[in-house]
Amino acid sequence: MIEVFTKPGCGQCFGLELYLKRHRVPSVFHDVSEDLVARERMVKMGYSQVPVVRNTVTGEHWYGFDVARLELSIQGVPAAAALQD
């Protein structure tokens, strides 16, 4: 499952949500402007801006709407491993 930390008015967040829905990727969204627990989790991962994407299976996380990285993560391929080829 993909977990996304978002906030209202975020263009990348909106695009990411559309992409995940269009591709029927199981996902959950946390509005960090309202969900303070989610915001704290995001900050503990080292982020202060949204969107932050986290694969709940692999634990991999990153900032931004990166289609290539998202697709690799959904397939279970860590981005670092993919870059070593």
PDB file of N, CA and C in Angstrom:
ATOM      1  N   MET A   1       0.845  -1.181   0.000  1.00  0.00           N
ATOM      2  CA  MET A   1       0.000   0.000   0.000  1.00  0.00           C
ATOM      3  C   MET A   1       0.888   1.241   0.000  1.00  0.00           C
ATOM      4  N   ILE A   2       0.394   2.261  -0.650  1.00  0.00           N
ATOM      5  CA  ILE A   2       1.101   3.533  -0.705  1.00  0.00           C
ATOM      6  C   ILE A   2       0.416   4.516   0.242  1.00  0.00           C
ATOM      7  N   GLU A   3       1.215   5.154   1.042  1.00  0.00           N
ATOM      8  CA  GLU A   3       0.735   6.149   1.993  1.00  0.00           C
ATOM      9  C   GLU A   3       1.245   7.511   1.519  1.00  0.00           C
ATOM     10  N   VAL A   4       0.353   8.486   1.467  1.00  0.00           N
ATOM     11  CA  VAL A   4       0.727   9.805   0.962  1.00  0.00           C
ATOM     12  C   VAL A   4       0.365  10.872   1.991  1.00  0.00           C
ATOM     13  N   PHE A   5       1.327  11.707   2.287  1.00  0.00           N
ATOM     14  CA  PHE A   5       1.125  12.835   3.192  1.00  0.00           C
ATOM     15  C   PHE A   5       0.900  14.062   2.321  1.00  0.00           C
ATOM     16  N   THR A   6      -0.239  14.722   2.503  1.00  0.00           N
ATOM     17  CA  THR A   6      -0.664  15.807   1.622  1.00  0.00           C
ATOM     18  C   THR A   6      -1.154  17.006   2.423  1.00  0.00           C
ATOM     19  N   LYS A   7      -1.547  18.037   1.686  1.00  0.00           N
ATOM     20  CA  LYS A   7      -2.280  19.161   2.270  1.00  0.00           C
ATOM     21  C   LYS A   7      -3.071  19.831   1.152  1.00  0.00           C
ATOM     22  N   PRO A   8      -4.117  20.551   1.488  1.00  0.00           N
ATOM     23  CA  PRO A   8      -4.927  21.215   0.469  1.00  0.00           C
ATOM     24  C   PRO A   8      -4.105  22.218  -0.347  1.00  0.00           C
ATOM     25  N   GLY A   9      -4.436  22.311  -1.621  1.00  0.00           N
ATOM     26  CA  GLY A   9      -3.778  23.275  -2.490  1.00  0.00           C
ATOM     27  C   GLY A   9      -2.451  22.808  -3.065  1.00  0.00           C
ATOM     28  N   CYS A  10      -2.077  21.583  -2.807  1.00  0.00           N
ATOM     29  CA  CYS A  10      -0.806  21.040  -3.296  1.00  0.00           C
ATOM     30  C   CYS A  10      -1.028  20.395  -4.662  1.00  0.00           C
ATOM     31  N   GLY A  11      -0.470  20.996  -5.692  1.00  0.00           N
ATOM     32  CA  GLY A  11      -0.645  20.484  -7.052  1.00  0.00           C
ATOM     33  C   GLY A  11      -0.068  19.095  -7.251  1.00  0.00           C
ATOM     34  N   GLN A  12       1.131  18.859  -6.720  1.00  0.00           N
ATOM     35  CA  GLN A  12       1.737  17.530  -6.844  1.00  0.00           C
ATOM     36  C   GLN A  12       0.899  16.483  -6.114  1.00  0.00           C
ATOM     37  N   CYS A  13       0.335  16.867  -4.985  1.00  0.00           N
ATOM     38  CA  CYS A  13      -0.514  15.945  -4.216  1.00  0.00           C
ATOM     39  C   CYS A  13      -1.735  15.548  -5.037  1.00  0.00           C
ATOM     40  N   PHE A  14      -2.331  16.526  -5.688  1.00  0.00           N
ATOM     41  CA  PHE A  14      -3.510  16.276  -6.514  1.00  0.00           C
ATOM     42  C   PHE A  14      -3.159  15.334  -7.667  1.00  0.00           C
ATOM     43  N   GLY A  15      -2.052  15.609  -8.341  1.00  0.00           N
ATOM     44  CA  GLY A  15      -1.615  14.752  -9.444  1.00  0.00           C
ATOM     45  C   GLY A  15      -1.310  13.339  -8.982  1.00  0.00           C
ATOM     46  N   LEU A  16      -0.693  13.229  -7.841  1.00  0.00           N
ATOM     47  CA  LEU A  16      -0.360  11.925  -7.268  1.00  0.00           C
ATOM     48  C   LEU A  16      -1.625  11.134  -6.949  1.00  0.00           C
ATOM     49  N   GLU A  17      -2.601  11.808  -6.363  1.00  0.00           N
ATOM     50  CA  GLU A  17      -3.866  11.142  -6.045  1.00  0.00           C
ATOM     51  C   GLU A  17      -4.556  10.649  -7.318  1.00  0.00           C
ATOM     52  N   LEU A  18      -4.588  11.483  -8.345  1.00  0.00           N
ATOM     53  CA  LEU A  18      -5.190  11.063  -9.618  1.00  0.00           C
ATOM     54  C   LEU A  18      -4.464   9.857 -10.200  1.00  0.00           C
ATOM     55  N   TYR A  19      -3.146   9.899 -10.179  1.00  0.00           N
ATOM     56  CA  TYR A  19      -2.346   8.804 -10.721  1.00  0.00           C
ATOM     57  C   TYR A  19      -2.644   7.494  -9.982  1.00  0.00           C
ATOM     58  N   LEU A  20      -2.631   7.551  -8.665  1.00  0.00           N
ATOM     59  CA  LEU A  20      -2.856   6.338  -7.877  1.00  0.00           C
ATOM     60  C   LEU A  20      -4.260   5.777  -8.100  1.00  0.00           C
ATOM     61  N   LYS A  21      -5.243   6.651  -8.176  1.00  0.00           N
ATOM     62  CA  LYS A  21      -6.615   6.196  -8.425  1.00  0.00           C
ATOM     63  C   LYS A  21      -6.756   5.623  -9.830  1.00  0.00           C
ATOM     64  N   ARG A  22      -6.180   6.299 -10.805  1.00  0.00           N
ATOM     65  CA  ARG A  22      -6.266   5.850 -12.197  1.00  0.00           C
ATOM     66  C   ARG A  22      -5.640   4.467 -12.373  1.00  0.00           C
ATOM     67  N   HIS A  23      -4.564   4.224 -11.634  1.00  0.00           N
ATOM     68  CA  HIS A  23      -3.864   2.940 -11.738  1.00  0.00           C
ATOM     69  C   HIS A  23      -4.300   1.938 -10.674  1.00  0.00           C
ATOM     70  N   ARG A  24      -5.327   2.307  -9.936  1.00  0.00           N
ATOM     71  CA  ARG A  24      -5.926   1.433  -8.908  1.00  0.00           C
ATOM     72  C   ARG A  24      -4.892   0.902  -7.914  1.00  0.00           C
ATOM     73  N   VAL A  25      -4.042   1.792  -7.484  1.00  0.00           N
ATOM     74  CA  VAL A  25      -3.025   1.442  -6.497  1.00  0.00           C
ATOM     75  C   VAL A  25      -3.623   1.645  -5.107  1.00  0.00           C
ATOM     76  N   PRO A  26      -3.623   0.609  -4.280  1.00  0.00           N
ATOM     77  CA  PRO A  26      -4.130   0.787  -2.916  1.00  0.00           C
ATOM     78  C   PRO A  26      -3.341   1.891  -2.211  1.00  0.00           C
ATOM     79  N   SER A  27      -4.065   2.863  -1.704  1.00  0.00           N
ATOM     80  CA  SER A  27      -3.382   4.001  -1.098  1.00  0.00           C
ATOM     81  C   SER A  27      -4.250   4.647  -0.028  1.00  0.00           C
ATOM     82  N   VAL A  28      -3.562   5.351   0.854  1.00  0.00           N
ATOM     83  CA  VAL A  28      -4.228   6.108   1.909  1.00  0.00           C
ATOM     84  C   VAL A  28      -3.578   7.490   1.942  1.00  0.00           C
ATOM     85  N   PHE A  29      -4.399   8.506   2.157  1.00  0.00           N
ATOM     86  CA  PHE A  29      -3.921   9.881   2.156  1.00  0.00           C
ATOM     87  C   PHE A  29      -4.113  10.505   3.526  1.00  0.00           C
ATOM     88  N   HIS A  30      -3.106  11.250   3.958  1.00  0.00           N
ATOM     89  CA  HIS A  30      -3.161  11.950   5.240  1.00  0.00           C
ATOM     90  C   HIS A  30      -3.002  13.446   4.984  1.00  0.00           C
ATOM     91  N   ASP A  31      -3.984  14.220   5.359  1.00  0.00           N
ATOM     92  CA  ASP A  31      -3.916  15.678   5.248  1.00  0.00           C
ATOM     93  C   ASP A  31      -3.178  16.195   6.483  1.00  0.00           C
ATOM     94  N   VAL A  32      -1.915  16.557   6.306  1.00  0.00           N
ATOM     95  CA  VAL A  32      -1.093  16.960   7.451  1.00  0.00           C
ATOM     96  C   VAL A  32      -1.480  18.329   8.005  1.00  0.00           C
ATOM     97  N   SER A  33      -2.344  19.046   7.302  1.00  0.00           N
ATOM     98  CA  SER A  33      -2.815  20.317   7.857  1.00  0.00           C
ATOM     99  C   SER A  33      -3.885  20.079   8.922  1.00  0.00           C
ATOM    100  N   GLU A  34      -4.481  18.889   8.922  1.00  0.00           N
ATOM    101  CA  GLU A  34      -5.507  18.545   9.903  1.00  0.00           C
ATOM    102  C   GLU A  34      -5.103  17.393  10.816  1.00  0.00           C
ATOM    103  N   ASP A  35      -4.325  16.465  10.300  1.00  0.00           N
ATOM    104  CA  ASP A  35      -3.935  15.271  11.050  1.00  0.00           C
ATOM    105  C   ASP A  35      -2.543  15.489  11.649  1.00  0.00           C
ATOM    106  N   LEU A  36      -2.514  15.936  12.891  1.00  0.00           N
ATOM    107  CA  LEU A  36      -1.241  16.278  13.531  1.00  0.00           C
ATOM    108  C   LEU A  36      -0.372  15.052  13.798  1.00  0.00           C
ATOM    109  N   VAL A  37      -0.983  13.911  14.010  1.00  0.00           N
ATOM    110  CA  VAL A  37      -0.211  12.674  14.200  1.00  0.00           C
ATOM    111  C   VAL A  37       0.513  12.319  12.903  1.00  0.00           C
ATOM    112  N   ALA A  38      -0.188  12.427  11.789  1.00  0.00           N
ATOM    113  CA  ALA A  38       0.434  12.156  10.489  1.00  0.00           C
ATOM    114  C   ALA A  38       1.542  13.170  10.210  1.00  0.00           C
ATOM    115  N   ARG A  39       1.291  14.424  10.554  1.00  0.00           N
ATOM    116  CA  ARG A  39       2.317  15.455  10.344  1.00  0.00           C
ATOM    117  C   ARG A  39       3.577  15.122  11.137  1.00  0.00           C
ATOM    118  N   GLU A  40       3.411  14.699  12.364  1.00  0.00           N
ATOM    119  CA  GLU A  40       4.559  14.342  13.200  1.00  0.00           C
ATOM    120  C   GLU A  40       5.315  13.148  12.604  1.00  0.00           C
ATOM    121  N   ARG A  41       4.585  12.179  12.088  1.00  0.00           N
ATOM    122  CA  ARG A  41       5.230  11.025  11.438  1.00  0.00           C
ATOM    123  C   ARG A  41       6.043  11.482  10.235  1.00  0.00           C
ATOM    124  N   MET A  42       5.479  12.395   9.454  1.00  0.00           N
ATOM    125  CA  MET A  42       6.167  12.919   8.277  1.00  0.00           C
ATOM    126  C   MET A  42       7.449  13.647   8.689  1.00  0.00           C
ATOM    127  N   VAL A  43       7.352  14.455   9.711  1.00  0.00           N
ATOM    128  CA  VAL A  43       8.514  15.203  10.200  1.00  0.00           C
ATOM    129  C   VAL A  43       9.583  14.243  10.728  1.00  0.00           C
ATOM    130  N   LYS A  44       9.169  13.199  11.427  1.00  0.00           N
ATOM    131  CA  LYS A  44      10.134  12.212  11.941  1.00  0.00           C
ATOM    132  C   LYS A  44      10.856  11.480  10.816  1.00  0.00           C
ATOM    133  N   MET A  45      10.215  11.391   9.650  1.00  0.00           N
ATOM    134  CA  MET A  45      10.880  10.784   8.488  1.00  0.00           C
ATOM    135  C   MET A  45      11.849  11.766   7.841  1.00  0.00           C
ATOM    136  N   GLY A  46      11.818  13.028   8.301  1.00  0.00           N
ATOM    137  CA  GLY A  46      12.766  14.016   7.799  1.00  0.00           C
ATOM    138  C   GLY A  46      12.213  14.991   6.774  1.00  0.00           C
ATOM    139  N   TYR A  47      10.902  15.085   6.670  1.00  0.00           N
ATOM    140  CA  TYR A  47      10.292  15.947   5.654  1.00  0.00           C
ATOM    141  C   TYR A  47       9.532  17.106   6.286  1.00  0.00           C
ATOM    142  N   SER A  48       9.523  18.217   5.566  1.00  0.00           N
ATOM    143  CA  SER A  48       8.751  19.375   6.022  1.00  0.00           C
ATOM    144  C   SER A  48       7.781  19.861   4.949  1.00  0.00           C
ATOM    145  N   GLN A  49       7.865  19.281   3.754  1.00  0.00           N
ATOM    146  CA  GLN A  49       6.984  19.668   2.655  1.00  0.00           C
ATOM    147  C   GLN A  49       6.285  18.435   2.105  1.00  0.00           C
ATOM    148  N   VAL A  50       5.163  18.669   1.447  1.00  0.00           N
ATOM    149  CA  VAL A  50       4.396  17.586   0.834  1.00  0.00           C
ATOM    150  C   VAL A  50       4.455  17.707  -0.681  1.00  0.00           C
ATOM    151  N   PRO A  51       4.203  16.636  -1.397  1.00  0.00           N
ATOM    152  CA  PRO A  51       3.786  15.331  -0.919  1.00  0.00           C
ATOM    153  C   PRO A  51       4.968  14.463  -0.492  1.00  0.00           C
ATOM    154  N   VAL A  52       4.713  13.669   0.513  1.00  0.00           N
ATOM    155  CA  VAL A  52       5.653  12.630   0.916  1.00  0.00           C
ATOM    156  C   VAL A  52       4.956  11.307   0.641  1.00  0.00           C
ATOM    157  N   VAL A  53       5.668  10.428  -0.034  1.00  0.00           N
ATOM    158  CA  VAL A  53       5.121   9.133  -0.424  1.00  0.00           C
ATOM    159  C   VAL A  53       5.864   8.052   0.353  1.00  0.00           C
ATOM    160  N   ARG A  54       5.117   7.087   0.877  1.00  0.00           N
ATOM    161  CA  ARG A  54       5.728   5.986   1.621  1.00  0.00           C
ATOM    162  C   ARG A  54       5.082   4.676   1.207  1.00  0.00           C
ATOM    163  N   ASN A  55       5.916   3.704   0.862  1.00  0.00           N
ATOM    164  CA  ASN A  55       5.440   2.354   0.591  1.00  0.00           C
ATOM    165  C   ASN A  55       5.370   1.642   1.934  1.00  0.00           C
ATOM    166  N   THR A  56       4.178   1.258   2.359  1.00  0.00           N
ATOM    167  CA  THR A  56       4.019   0.667   3.689  1.00  0.00           C
ATOM    168  C   THR A  56       4.577  -0.747   3.769  1.00  0.00           C
ATOM    169  N   VAL A  57       4.800  -1.383   2.634  1.00  0.00           N
ATOM    170  CA  VAL A  57       5.354  -2.740   2.623  1.00  0.00           C
ATOM    171  C   VAL A  57       6.876  -2.696   2.746  1.00  0.00           C
ATOM    172  N   THR A  58       7.509  -1.862   1.931  1.00  0.00           N
ATOM    173  CA  THR A  58       8.974  -1.809   1.924  1.00  0.00           C
ATOM    174  C   THR A  58       9.537  -0.787   2.905  1.00  0.00           C
ATOM    175  N   GLY A  59       8.709   0.185   3.297  1.00  0.00           N
ATOM    176  CA  GLY A  59       9.176   1.246   4.182  1.00  0.00           C
ATOM    177  C   GLY A  59       9.871   2.379   3.454  1.00  0.00           C
ATOM    178  N   GLU A  60      10.073   2.226   2.157  1.00  0.00           N
ATOM    179  CA  GLU A  60      10.735   3.271   1.371  1.00  0.00           C
ATOM    180  C   GLU A  60       9.859   4.523   1.342  1.00  0.00           C
ATOM    181  N   HIS A  61      10.493   5.685   1.416  1.00  0.00           N
ATOM    182  CA  HIS A  61       9.743   6.936   1.354  1.00  0.00           C
ATOM    183  C   HIS A  61      10.567   7.996   0.645  1.00  0.00           C
ATOM    184  N   TRP A  62       9.860   8.975   0.077  1.00  0.00           N
ATOM    185  CA  TRP A  62      10.509  10.054  -0.658  1.00  0.00           C
ATOM    186  C   TRP A  62       9.566  11.240  -0.764  1.00  0.00           C
ATOM    187  N   TYR A  63      10.146  12.350  -1.194  1.00  0.00           N
ATOM    188  CA  TYR A  63       9.387  13.580  -1.400  1.00  0.00           C
ATOM    189  C   TYR A  63       9.061  13.725  -2.886  1.00  0.00           C
ATOM    190  N   GLY A  64       7.847  14.126  -3.183  1.00  0.00           N
ATOM    191  CA  GLY A  64       7.474  14.505  -4.540  1.00  0.00           C
ATOM    192  C   GLY A  64       6.749  13.426  -5.324  1.00  0.00           C
ATOM    193  N   PHE A  65       6.172  13.865  -6.419  1.00  0.00           N
ATOM    194  CA  PHE A  65       5.431  12.993  -7.329  1.00  0.00           C
ATOM    195  C   PHE A  65       6.394  12.546  -8.419  1.00  0.00           C
ATOM    196  N   ASP A  66       7.019  11.408  -8.195  1.00  0.00           N
ATOM    197  CA  ASP A  66       8.021  10.845  -9.093  1.00  0.00           C
ATOM    198  C   ASP A  66       7.458   9.532  -9.639  1.00  0.00           C
ATOM    199  N   VAL A  67       6.940   9.575 -10.861  1.00  0.00           N
ATOM    200  CA  VAL A  67       6.258   8.413 -11.432  1.00  0.00           C
ATOM    201  C   VAL A  67       7.182   7.203 -11.518  1.00  0.00           C
ATOM    202  N   ALA A  68       8.402   7.394 -11.987  1.00  0.00           N
ATOM    203  CA  ALA A  68       9.326   6.265 -12.131  1.00  0.00           C
ATOM    204  C   ALA A  68       9.603   5.613 -10.778  1.00  0.00           C
ATOM    205  N   ARG A  69       9.875   6.419  -9.797  1.00  0.00           N
ATOM    206  CA  ARG A  69      10.162   5.882  -8.461  1.00  0.00           C
ATOM    207  C   ARG A  69       8.927   5.204  -7.869  1.00  0.00           C
ATOM    208  N   LEU A  70       7.771   5.794  -8.091  1.00  0.00           N
ATOM    209  CA  LEU A  70       6.523   5.224  -7.600  1.00  0.00           C
ATOM    210  C   LEU A  70       6.274   3.855  -8.228  1.00  0.00           C
ATOM    211  N   GLU A  71       6.455   3.760  -9.533  1.00  0.00           N
ATOM    212  CA  GLU A  71       6.234   2.480 -10.211  1.00  0.00           C
ATOM    213  C   GLU A  71       7.196   1.410  -9.715  1.00  0.00           C
ATOM    214  N   LEU A  72       8.457   1.768  -9.523  1.00  0.00           N
ATOM    215  CA  LEU A  72       9.423   0.806  -8.985  1.00  0.00           C
ATOM    216  C   LEU A  72       9.025   0.371  -7.582  1.00  0.00           C
ATOM    217  N   SER A  73       8.616   1.320  -6.783  1.00  0.00           N
ATOM    218  CA  SER A  73       8.239   1.014  -5.407  1.00  0.00           C
ATOM    219  C   SER A  73       7.025   0.094  -5.359  1.00  0.00           C
ATOM    220  N   ILE A  74       6.053   0.346  -6.218  1.00  0.00           N
ATOM    221  CA  ILE A  74       4.863  -0.499  -6.274  1.00  0.00           C
ATOM    222  C   ILE A  74       5.248  -1.932  -6.647  1.00  0.00           C
ATOM    223  N   GLN A  75       6.257  -2.063  -7.495  1.00  0.00           N
ATOM    224  CA  GLN A  75       6.738  -3.388  -7.901  1.00  0.00           C
ATOM    225  C   GLN A  75       7.632  -4.020  -6.839  1.00  0.00           C
ATOM    226  N   GLY A  76       7.956  -3.260  -5.801  1.00  0.00           N
ATOM    227  CA  GLY A  76       8.796  -3.780  -4.729  1.00  0.00           C
ATOM    228  C   GLY A  76      10.281  -3.629  -4.979  1.00  0.00           C
ATOM    229  N   VAL A  77      10.644  -2.810  -5.963  1.00  0.00           N
ATOM    230  CA  VAL A  77      12.053  -2.589  -6.283  1.00  0.00           C
ATOM    231  C   VAL A  77      12.501  -1.286  -5.632  1.00  0.00           C
ATOM    232  N   PRO A  78      13.417  -1.353  -4.664  1.00  0.00           N
ATOM    233  CA  PRO A  78      13.914  -0.109  -4.061  1.00  0.00           C
ATOM    234  C   PRO A  78      14.617   0.747  -5.112  1.00  0.00           C
ATOM    235  N   ALA A  79      14.406   2.034  -5.061  1.00  0.00           N
ATOM    236  CA  ALA A  79      14.990   2.940  -6.053  1.00  0.00           C
ATOM    237  C   ALA A  79      16.510   2.831  -6.081  1.00  0.00           C
ATOM    238  N   ALA A  80      17.135   2.682  -4.934  1.00  0.00           N
ATOM    239  CA  ALA A  80      18.594   2.583  -4.882  1.00  0.00           C
ATOM    240  C   ALA A  80      19.085   1.352  -5.641  1.00  0.00           C
ATOM    241  N   ALA A  81      18.387   0.242  -5.515  1.00  0.00           N
ATOM    242  CA  ALA A  81      18.776  -0.983  -6.222  1.00  0.00           C
ATOM    243  C   ALA A  81      18.606  -0.813  -7.725  1.00  0.00           C
ATOM    244  N   ALA A  82      17.554  -0.129  -8.134  1.00  0.00           N
ATOM    245  CA  ALA A  82      17.300   0.076  -9.559  1.00  0.00           C
ATOM    246  C   ALA A  82      18.375   0.946 -10.186  1.00  0.00           C
ATOM    247  N   LEU A  83      18.915   1.881  -9.428  1.00  0.00           N
ATOM    248  CA  LEU A  83      19.935   2.782  -9.957  1.00  0.00           C
ATOM    249  C   LEU A  83      21.292   2.107 -10.104  1.00  0.00           C
ATOM    250  N   GLN A  84      21.492   0.967  -9.466  1.00  0.00           N
ATOM    251  CA  GLN A  84      22.777   0.277  -9.521  1.00  0.00           C
ATOM    252  C   GLN A  84      22.957  -0.522 -10.801  1.00  0.00           C
ATOM    253  N   ASP A  85      21.908  -0.732 -11.564  1.00  0.00           N
ATOM    254  CA  ASP A  85      22.005  -1.531 -12.799  1.00  0.00           C
ATOM    255  C   ASP A  85      22.839  -0.857 -13.851  1.00  0.00           C
TER     256      ASP A  85
END
